[in-house]
Amino acid sequence: MSDAIGMFEHADHATPRREHGYCTDDMARLLIVTVREPEGGAGVGDLRRLAFRFLASAQSPTGRIRNRREVGGRWEDRHGVEDCWGRSVWAFGTAARGAGGGWLGDSALACFNRSASQRSPHRRSMAFAALGAAEVVAFDGAHRRARELLADAVETIGPMPDDPRWPWPEPRLTYANAAIPEALIAAGDALGRPTVVADGLRVLSWMLDRQTVDGQPEGGWVPGERLALPDALEAYTAGSAFVAFAEHRRGRVEPGMDADLAILDRDLLALGPSAIIGSGVRATVFGGAVVHRSEELA
């Protein structure tokens, strides 16, 4: 599904539709996935390098990003700050943190610094970029450009309305909706702004419930599409590990699995989706080491 330039955007089953070429949005996703799977072997490493080269070539000297590319390698559009820019910033930040140094980590950080100087007027583009900035702040808490991008993303996303009937900043849900609360949670945590984290958690809970806090409409807007909380947690943990071909070492708390986990201050399965509101992280374990511990456990 890829060649020496990039991963094809469309396919007919296992046959690439070469006439549609490639897009930066997909290559950014590819870099994020391959960086998060460091033990995938030579094939994953090749795709990681392919994705980074594609994104680096899409970037202008000022940090703006192109999205559409023909099979022959010619770019079809101009540099901009749309979703492809935001997803590229996300990918650069993820690679800068996850590559563990070396040429990829250093090069990704340089690309991040270049694109992080730009701003987009689009809510989701800024949310994607914020997720990349949060990755950089995770290993360099004083990174000025990343922190400024996070603060500006919070402003662009805007405060979540207090109206329980529709606590969403837009008249309707469209695409990549979960990126907005995820960005708020990540930005609020990185910047030490608990009210921003609370906004993100509140909206995430609302999205999971698929109904207002007073239970309207009954059963949610589209009851047939609603996930039960155990299914949602399974999808985010074991399901994500399965998609990444890592179910043998991630996704479950069992002997022999990677010790990467978060300990919450309440049992979500016992209390239900509404318990997400106000929940906090008591401790975070990464690679078997406690990297965060709340005051209650100190």
Protein backbone atom coordinates (compact mmCIF):
# COMPACT_ATOMS: atom_id res chain seq x y z
CA MET A 1 0.00 0.00 0.00
CA SER A 2 3.03 2.30 -0.25
CA ASP A 3 5.93 3.07 -2.56
CA ALA A 4 9.14 5.08 -2.31
CA ILE A 5 7.19 8.34 -1.92
CA GLY A 6 4.43 7.55 0.53
CA MET A 7 1.36 5.55 1.52
CA PHE A 8 -1.46 5.66 -1.02
CA GLU A 9 -4.54 7.50 0.13
CA HIS A 10 -7.11 5.10 -1.36
CA ALA A 11 -7.30 1.45 -2.37
CA ASP A 12 -9.75 -1.01 -3.84
CA HIS A 13 -9.34 -3.79 -1.29
CA ALA A 14 -5.63 -4.68 -1.62
CA THR A 15 -5.07 -2.74 -4.84
CA PRO A 16 -3.80 0.85 -4.44
CA ARG A 17 -5.74 3.50 -6.38
CA ARG A 18 -2.66 5.32 -7.59
CA GLU A 19 -4.63 7.99 -9.39
CA HIS A 20 -5.54 9.52 -6.02
CA GLY A 21 -1.93 9.86 -4.91
CA TYR A 22 -1.01 10.58 -1.31
CA CYS A 23 -2.03 13.03 1.41
CA THR A 24 -0.16 14.49 4.35
CA ASP A 25 -3.02 13.77 6.76
CA ASP A 26 -2.50 10.03 6.27
CA MET A 27 1.29 10.23 6.45
CA ALA A 28 1.07 12.11 9.75
CA ARG A 29 -1.12 9.34 11.13
CA LEU A 30 1.40 6.79 9.86
CA LEU A 31 4.30 8.49 11.63
CA ILE A 32 2.38 8.63 14.91
CA VAL A 33 1.46 4.93 14.73
CA THR A 34 4.93 3.72 13.76
CA VAL A 35 6.67 5.82 16.42
CA ARG A 36 4.35 4.36 19.04
CA GLU A 37 5.35 0.85 17.92
CA PRO A 38 9.12 0.93 18.43
CA GLU A 39 9.54 -2.87 18.45
CA GLY A 40 7.78 -3.54 15.15
CA GLY A 41 10.87 -4.65 13.28
CA ALA A 42 12.49 -3.42 10.08
CA GLY A 43 9.19 -3.02 8.25
CA VAL A 44 7.82 -0.59 10.80
CA GLY A 45 11.12 1.28 10.83
CA ASP A 46 11.00 1.67 7.06
CA LEU A 47 7.47 3.07 7.24
CA ARG A 48 8.51 5.43 10.04
CA ARG A 49 11.31 6.86 7.91
CA LEU A 50 9.03 7.05 4.87
CA ALA A 51 6.40 8.97 6.82
CA PHE A 52 8.88 11.44 8.27
CA ARG A 53 10.52 12.15 4.91
CA PHE A 54 7.10 12.80 3.40
CA LEU A 55 6.09 15.23 6.15
CA ALA A 56 9.43 17.02 6.08
CA SER A 57 9.10 17.54 2.34
CA ALA A 58 5.55 18.87 2.83
CA GLN A 59 6.82 21.60 5.17
CA SER A 60 7.73 25.09 4.02
CA PRO A 61 10.65 27.07 5.54
CA THR A 62 8.06 28.97 7.61
CA GLY A 63 6.41 25.81 8.94
CA ARG A 64 3.27 25.71 6.82
CA ILE A 65 2.26 22.36 5.30
CA ARG A 66 1.05 20.99 1.96
CA ASN A 67 -1.46 18.13 1.81
CA ARG A 68 -1.98 16.75 -1.71
CA ARG A 69 0.71 14.94 -3.73
CA GLU A 70 0.56 13.11 -7.04
CA VAL A 71 2.04 9.67 -7.62
CA GLY A 72 4.95 11.21 -9.51
CA GLY A 73 5.84 13.28 -6.48
CA ARG A 74 4.52 16.69 -7.58
CA TRP A 75 2.66 18.66 -4.93
CA GLU A 76 -0.82 19.76 -5.98
CA ASP A 77 -1.62 22.47 -3.43
CA ARG A 78 -0.10 25.37 -1.55
CA HIS A 79 1.28 25.39 1.97
CA GLY A 80 -1.30 26.18 4.63
CA VAL A 81 -2.40 25.76 8.23
CA GLU A 82 -5.37 23.44 7.80
CA ASP A 83 -5.78 19.99 9.39
CA CYS A 84 -2.70 18.66 7.58
CA TRP A 85 -0.63 21.27 9.41
CA GLY A 86 -2.14 20.34 12.77
CA ARG A 87 -1.67 16.61 12.22
CA SER A 88 1.92 17.18 11.09
CA VAL A 89 2.69 19.13 14.27
CA TRP A 90 1.14 16.26 16.22
CA ALA A 91 3.32 13.75 14.36
CA PHE A 92 6.50 15.82 14.72
CA GLY A 93 5.93 16.19 18.45
CA THR A 94 5.19 12.49 18.85
CA ALA A 95 8.35 11.55 16.96
CA ALA A 96 10.47 14.06 18.87
CA ARG A 97 9.42 12.42 22.11
CA GLY A 98 9.04 8.80 21.08
CA ALA A 99 12.08 8.32 18.86
CA GLY A 100 14.39 8.50 21.86
CA GLY A 101 16.89 10.90 20.31
CA GLY A 102 18.98 10.05 17.26
CA TRP A 103 18.46 11.53 13.83
CA LEU A 104 14.69 11.05 13.85
CA GLY A 105 14.12 12.63 17.26
CA ASP A 106 16.38 15.59 16.50
CA SER A 107 14.97 16.12 13.01
CA ALA A 108 11.37 15.81 14.20
CA LEU A 109 11.98 18.38 16.94
CA ALA A 110 13.46 20.80 14.40
CA CYS A 111 10.39 20.34 12.19
CA PHE A 112 8.12 20.78 15.19
CA ASN A 113 9.83 24.03 16.15
CA ARG A 114 9.37 25.34 12.63
CA SER A 115 5.66 24.52 12.34
CA ALA A 116 4.85 25.43 15.95
CA SER A 117 5.47 29.07 15.04
CA GLN A 118 2.32 29.01 12.90
CA ARG A 119 -1.29 29.32 14.04
CA SER A 120 -4.53 28.11 12.47
CA PRO A 121 -7.97 29.69 12.80
CA HIS A 122 -9.52 26.22 12.72
CA ARG A 123 -10.51 24.54 15.99
CA ARG A 124 -9.57 20.97 15.05
CA SER A 125 -6.32 21.96 13.39
CA MET A 126 -5.25 23.64 16.62
CA ALA A 127 -6.44 20.64 18.65
CA PHE A 128 -4.25 18.30 16.57
CA ALA A 129 -1.29 20.65 16.94
CA ALA A 130 -1.84 20.87 20.70
CA LEU A 131 -1.48 17.10 21.02
CA GLY A 132 1.95 17.37 19.41
CA ALA A 133 2.91 20.26 21.65
CA ALA A 134 1.86 18.24 24.70
CA GLU A 135 4.24 15.48 23.59
CA VAL A 136 7.12 17.96 23.49
CA VAL A 137 6.27 19.48 26.88
CA ALA A 138 6.21 15.94 28.31
CA PHE A 139 9.99 15.69 27.83
CA ASP A 140 10.86 19.40 27.93
CA GLY A 141 8.54 21.18 30.31
CA ALA A 142 10.12 24.57 29.64
CA HIS A 143 9.80 24.41 25.84
CA ARG A 144 8.54 27.95 25.18
CA ARG A 145 7.16 27.46 21.69
CA ALA A 146 5.25 24.30 22.66
CA ARG A 147 3.75 25.95 25.74
CA GLU A 148 2.68 29.01 23.73
CA LEU A 149 1.04 26.76 21.14
CA LEU A 150 -0.86 24.92 23.88
CA ALA A 151 -2.11 28.18 25.37
CA ASP A 152 -3.22 29.47 21.97
CA ALA A 153 -4.94 26.16 21.19
CA VAL A 154 -7.00 26.46 24.36
CA GLU A 155 -8.09 29.94 23.27
CA THR A 156 -8.93 28.80 19.71
CA ILE A 157 -10.90 25.78 20.91
CA GLY A 158 -12.73 28.08 23.29
CA PRO A 159 -14.46 27.38 26.60
CA MET A 160 -17.04 24.63 26.61
CA PRO A 161 -20.58 25.97 27.11
CA ASP A 162 -22.22 25.41 30.50
CA ASP A 163 -25.54 24.47 28.88
CA PRO A 164 -26.14 20.80 29.85
CA ARG A 165 -28.39 20.39 26.82
CA TRP A 166 -25.47 21.06 24.45
CA PRO A 167 -22.07 21.58 26.12
CA TRP A 168 -20.30 21.71 22.75
CA PRO A 169 -18.73 24.78 21.10
CA GLU A 170 -20.37 24.09 17.72
CA PRO A 171 -23.98 23.68 16.59
CA ARG A 172 -23.39 20.02 15.63
CA LEU A 173 -20.86 17.23 15.94
CA THR A 174 -18.82 16.72 12.78
CA TYR A 175 -15.48 14.87 12.56
CA ALA A 176 -12.56 14.15 14.88
CA ASN A 177 -14.69 15.35 17.78
CA ALA A 178 -12.76 13.44 20.44
CA ALA A 179 -9.57 15.34 19.55
CA ILE A 180 -11.06 18.47 21.11
CA PRO A 181 -11.52 17.18 24.68
CA GLU A 182 -8.26 15.23 24.36
CA ALA A 183 -6.44 18.44 23.46
CA LEU A 184 -8.04 20.32 26.35
CA ILE A 185 -7.06 17.60 28.82
CA ALA A 186 -3.49 17.46 27.49
CA ALA A 187 -3.08 21.25 27.37
CA GLY A 188 -4.61 21.82 30.79
CA ASP A 189 -2.37 19.17 32.33
CA ALA A 190 0.78 20.52 30.66
CA LEU A 191 0.04 24.14 31.56
CA GLY A 192 -1.22 23.48 35.07
CA ARG A 193 -4.72 24.75 34.32
CA PRO A 194 -7.18 22.43 36.11
CA THR A 195 -10.27 24.24 34.79
CA VAL A 196 -9.21 23.39 31.23
CA VAL A 197 -8.73 19.74 32.22
CA ALA A 198 -12.18 19.80 33.81
CA ASP A 199 -13.70 21.19 30.62
CA GLY A 200 -12.14 18.38 28.60
CA LEU A 201 -13.28 15.68 31.01
CA ARG A 202 -16.80 17.09 31.16
CA VAL A 203 -17.20 17.13 27.39
CA LEU A 204 -15.60 13.70 27.03
CA SER A 205 -18.11 12.32 29.51
CA TRP A 206 -20.94 13.96 27.56
CA MET A 207 -19.72 12.45 24.31
CA LEU A 208 -19.58 9.01 25.92
CA ASP A 209 -23.09 9.33 27.31
CA ARG A 210 -24.41 10.67 23.99
CA GLN A 211 -27.11 12.56 25.89
CA THR A 212 -27.56 15.59 28.14
CA VAL A 213 -26.84 15.39 31.86
CA ASP A 214 -30.57 15.33 32.60
CA GLY A 215 -30.97 12.24 30.41
CA GLN A 216 -32.46 13.83 27.30
CA PRO A 217 -33.15 12.48 24.83
CA GLU A 218 -33.92 9.16 26.48
CA GLY A 219 -31.30 6.59 25.50
CA GLY A 220 -29.08 9.18 23.77
CA TRP A 221 -29.23 10.73 20.30
CA VAL A 222 -28.34 7.53 18.43
CA PRO A 223 -28.89 4.69 20.91
CA GLY A 224 -27.84 2.06 18.39
CA GLU A 225 -24.36 3.59 18.15
CA ARG A 226 -23.79 4.05 21.87
CA LEU A 227 -21.03 1.99 23.46
CA ALA A 228 -21.34 0.57 26.94
CA LEU A 229 -18.58 1.83 29.20
CA PRO A 230 -16.86 -1.60 29.47
CA ASP A 231 -16.80 -1.83 25.68
CA ALA A 232 -15.36 1.69 25.38
CA LEU A 233 -12.61 0.93 27.89
CA GLU A 234 -11.87 -2.37 26.14
CA ALA A 235 -11.56 -0.57 22.82
CA TYR A 236 -9.19 2.08 24.17
CA THR A 237 -6.96 -0.45 25.94
CA ALA A 238 -6.94 -4.01 24.61
CA GLY A 239 -8.47 -2.93 21.29
CA SER A 240 -5.80 -0.30 20.66
CA ALA A 241 -3.08 -2.81 21.46
CA PHE A 242 -4.62 -5.33 19.05
CA VAL A 243 -4.72 -2.78 16.21
CA ALA A 244 -1.03 -2.04 16.86
CA PHE A 245 -0.20 -5.79 16.80
CA ALA A 246 0.92 -5.44 20.43
CA GLU A 247 -1.79 -7.40 22.21
CA HIS A 248 0.85 -9.81 23.50
CA ARG A 249 2.42 -7.10 25.68
CA ARG A 250 0.03 -4.15 26.02
CA GLY A 251 -3.62 -3.43 26.70
CA ARG A 252 -4.19 -5.48 29.86
CA VAL A 253 -2.95 -5.50 33.45
CA GLU A 254 -1.56 -9.02 33.62
CA PRO A 255 1.75 -10.67 34.60
CA GLY A 256 4.30 -10.37 31.82
CA MET A 257 2.63 -7.37 30.13
CA ASP A 258 4.21 -3.91 29.89
CA ALA A 259 3.65 -2.01 33.13
CA ASP A 260 2.16 1.13 31.55
CA LEU A 261 -1.02 2.13 33.35
CA ALA A 262 -2.96 4.88 35.10
CA ILE A 263 -4.68 4.50 38.47
CA LEU A 264 -7.86 6.56 38.81
CA ASP A 265 -9.48 7.75 42.01
CA ARG A 266 -12.71 5.86 41.35
CA ASP A 267 -14.06 2.67 39.79
CA LEU A 268 -15.64 3.76 36.50
CA LEU A 269 -17.10 0.31 35.87
CA ALA A 270 -18.92 0.36 39.18
CA LEU A 271 -20.17 3.94 38.92
CA GLY A 272 -20.94 4.30 35.20
CA PRO A 273 -20.09 6.91 32.52
CA SER A 274 -21.17 9.89 34.63
CA ALA A 275 -18.31 9.06 37.02
CA ILE A 276 -15.84 10.34 34.41
CA ILE A 277 -16.76 13.89 35.42
CA GLY A 278 -14.48 14.92 38.23
CA SER A 279 -12.34 11.78 38.12
CA GLY A 280 -8.63 12.21 38.73
CA VAL A 281 -5.42 10.26 38.25
CA ARG A 282 -3.91 8.98 41.50
CA ALA A 283 -0.78 7.57 39.88
CA THR A 284 0.79 6.88 36.50
CA VAL A 285 3.16 3.96 35.88
CA PHE A 286 5.34 3.89 32.74
CA GLY A 287 7.77 1.08 32.02
CA GLY A 288 7.26 -0.27 35.51
CA ALA A 289 8.25 3.01 37.19
CA VAL A 290 5.89 5.41 38.96
CA VAL A 291 6.20 8.70 37.02
CA HIS A 292 3.31 10.50 38.72
CA ARG A 293 1.86 10.19 42.20
CA SER A 294 -0.93 12.35 43.62
CA GLU A 295 -0.70 13.90 47.06
CA GLU A 296 -3.14 11.31 48.41
CA LEU A 297 -0.61 8.57 47.64
CA ALA A 298 2.50 10.55 48.50
